């Protein structure tokens, strides 16, 4: 496993990632929706890896649903960084992380443009379940 760390700019939202392959084998997915484009987001996920999201102050965790309103964007309201996106199916939480929230230059492959806005909500969910982290831990450590 390849372990990576990241956070929003102010450190309120922190991420610990375990990837099943070397970072160079991942191509971040640059979503072409207006919201993601305006945030400069490109996403990394690994259905065989794991992700831990830790929020230091949940009062500064913004959650935003846009598009089909099926998934939830996680934004730090303290510094404005879009850290990732989650989707909940019953007790299972799926997530993808904005590669730009990961610390250091990891050496991911070239970003690929994707267009989920052309997919139906059901098609999006099937895609998320196939591509996103499914071993996700979410922890809120309120001060």
Protein backbone atom coordinates (compact mmCIF):
# COMPACT_ATOMS: atom_id res chain seq x y z
CA UNK A 1 0.00 0.00 0.00
CA UNK A 2 1.06 3.57 -0.71
CA UNK A 3 0.19 5.95 2.15
CA UNK A 4 -0.58 9.61 1.43
CA UNK A 5 -1.71 12.49 3.61
CA UNK A 6 -3.51 15.69 2.81
CA UNK A 7 -5.65 18.46 4.22
CA UNK A 8 -7.45 21.65 3.44
CA UNK A 9 -5.33 24.82 3.63
CA UNK A 10 -6.09 25.54 7.31
CA UNK A 11 -5.89 21.89 8.41
CA UNK A 12 -9.49 21.58 9.58
CA UNK A 13 -10.19 18.67 7.21
CA UNK A 14 -7.44 16.04 7.11
CA UNK A 15 -7.16 12.96 4.97
CA UNK A 16 -5.16 9.74 5.20
CA UNK A 17 -5.14 7.64 2.05
CA UNK A 18 -3.91 4.14 1.29
CA UNK A 19 -3.62 3.40 -2.42
CA UNK A 20 -3.25 -0.14 -3.74
CA UNK A 21 -0.93 0.99 -6.57
CA UNK A 22 1.87 3.51 -7.01
CA UNK A 23 0.61 7.12 -7.38
CA UNK A 24 1.94 7.34 -10.97
CA UNK A 25 -0.58 4.67 -11.96
CA UNK A 26 -3.52 6.96 -11.13
CA UNK A 27 -4.88 9.59 -13.50
CA UNK A 28 -6.87 12.25 -11.60
CA UNK A 29 -10.35 12.74 -13.05
CA UNK A 30 -11.03 16.40 -13.82
CA UNK A 31 -14.81 16.80 -13.66
CA UNK A 32 -16.10 19.24 -16.26
CA UNK A 33 -19.11 20.49 -14.27
CA UNK A 34 -19.08 24.20 -13.45
CA UNK A 35 -18.68 23.63 -9.70
CA UNK A 36 -15.60 21.42 -10.00
CA UNK A 37 -14.08 23.56 -12.76
CA UNK A 38 -14.43 26.66 -10.59
CA UNK A 39 -12.62 24.82 -7.78
CA UNK A 40 -9.94 23.41 -10.10
CA UNK A 41 -10.74 19.94 -8.77
CA UNK A 42 -9.43 16.66 -10.13
CA UNK A 43 -10.24 13.52 -8.19
CA UNK A 44 -8.36 10.43 -7.06
CA UNK A 45 -9.95 7.28 -5.69
CA UNK A 46 -9.16 3.59 -5.35
CA UNK A 47 -11.87 0.97 -4.76
CA UNK A 48 -9.15 -1.33 -3.35
CA UNK A 49 -7.64 1.34 -1.09
CA UNK A 50 -8.84 3.09 2.03
CA UNK A 51 -9.56 6.64 3.11
CA UNK A 52 -9.85 8.33 6.49
CA UNK A 53 -11.40 11.80 6.65
CA UNK A 54 -10.95 13.65 9.93
CA UNK A 55 -12.68 16.93 10.69
CA UNK A 56 -11.29 18.95 13.57
CA UNK A 57 -14.22 21.40 13.83
CA UNK A 58 -17.44 20.23 12.18
CA UNK A 59 -18.86 23.76 12.45
CA UNK A 60 -16.40 24.63 9.65
CA UNK A 61 -17.33 21.66 7.44
CA UNK A 62 -19.44 22.76 4.51
CA UNK A 63 -21.51 20.19 2.67
CA UNK A 64 -22.80 21.11 -0.75
CA UNK A 65 -25.03 19.10 -3.07
CA UNK A 66 -25.19 20.18 -6.68
CA UNK A 67 -26.05 18.65 -10.03
CA UNK A 68 -28.18 15.57 -9.33
CA UNK A 69 -27.81 16.31 -5.57
CA UNK A 70 -26.89 12.67 -5.02
CA UNK A 71 -23.35 13.22 -3.73
CA UNK A 72 -22.07 15.70 -1.17
CA UNK A 73 -19.06 17.97 -1.71
CA UNK A 74 -16.94 18.49 1.42
CA UNK A 75 -15.65 22.03 1.70
CA UNK A 76 -13.81 23.72 4.54
CA UNK A 77 -15.68 26.93 5.32
CA UNK A 78 -12.58 28.24 7.09
CA UNK A 79 -10.26 28.26 4.07
CA UNK A 80 -12.59 27.40 1.18
CA UNK A 81 -10.84 24.24 -0.06
CA UNK A 82 -12.93 21.54 -1.75
CA UNK A 83 -11.42 18.40 -0.20
CA UNK A 84 -13.58 15.68 -1.69
CA UNK A 85 -16.98 14.24 -2.47
CA UNK A 86 -18.94 11.54 -0.65
CA UNK A 87 -21.92 9.35 -1.46
CA UNK A 88 -23.78 7.31 1.18
CA UNK A 89 -25.63 4.10 0.35
CA UNK A 90 -27.19 2.83 3.56
CA UNK A 91 -24.33 2.28 6.02
CA UNK A 92 -21.63 2.36 3.30
CA UNK A 93 -19.83 5.62 2.59
CA UNK A 94 -18.06 6.07 -0.76
CA UNK A 95 -15.67 8.94 -1.40
CA UNK A 96 -13.25 10.51 -3.83
CA UNK A 97 -10.59 13.08 -2.96
CA UNK A 98 -9.55 16.25 -4.74
CA UNK A 99 -5.97 15.38 -5.71
CA UNK A 100 -4.98 18.98 -5.02
CA UNK A 101 -5.76 18.51 -1.31
CA UNK A 102 -3.04 15.85 -1.06
CA UNK A 103 0.25 17.04 0.45
CA UNK A 104 3.34 17.40 -1.75
CA UNK A 105 3.71 16.64 -5.44
CA UNK A 106 2.85 12.96 -5.44
CA UNK A 107 3.47 12.33 -9.14
CA UNK A 108 0.05 11.25 -10.31
CA UNK A 109 -0.46 10.62 -14.01
CA UNK A 110 -1.91 13.20 -16.39
CA UNK A 111 -5.44 14.35 -15.46
CA UNK A 112 -8.30 13.02 -17.59
CA UNK A 113 -11.37 15.09 -18.36
CA UNK A 114 -14.61 13.37 -17.36
CA UNK A 115 -18.19 14.45 -17.85
CA UNK A 116 -20.48 12.96 -15.20
CA UNK A 117 -23.12 15.59 -15.95
CA UNK A 118 -24.13 13.55 -19.02
CA UNK A 119 -24.91 10.52 -16.82
CA UNK A 120 -28.20 9.79 -15.11
CA UNK A 121 -28.22 9.66 -11.30
CA UNK A 122 -28.28 5.83 -11.44
CA UNK A 123 -25.35 5.75 -13.87
CA UNK A 124 -23.38 8.09 -11.59
CA UNK A 125 -24.01 5.87 -8.58
CA UNK A 126 -22.88 2.74 -10.45
CA UNK A 127 -19.73 4.58 -11.55
CA UNK A 128 -18.99 5.86 -8.02
CA UNK A 129 -19.41 2.38 -6.54
CA UNK A 130 -16.97 0.99 -9.11
CA UNK A 131 -14.31 3.75 -8.86
CA UNK A 132 -14.48 5.49 -5.48
CA UNK A 133 -13.03 4.49 -2.12
CA UNK A 134 -15.48 2.15 -0.40
CA UNK A 135 -13.41 1.63 2.74
CA UNK A 136 -14.03 5.11 4.18
CA UNK A 137 -13.81 6.25 7.80
CA UNK A 138 -15.25 9.65 8.70
CA UNK A 139 -14.31 11.13 12.08
CA UNK A 140 -15.49 14.47 13.54
CA UNK A 141 -13.34 15.70 16.45
CA UNK A 142 -15.27 18.71 17.63
CA UNK A 143 -13.23 21.17 19.66
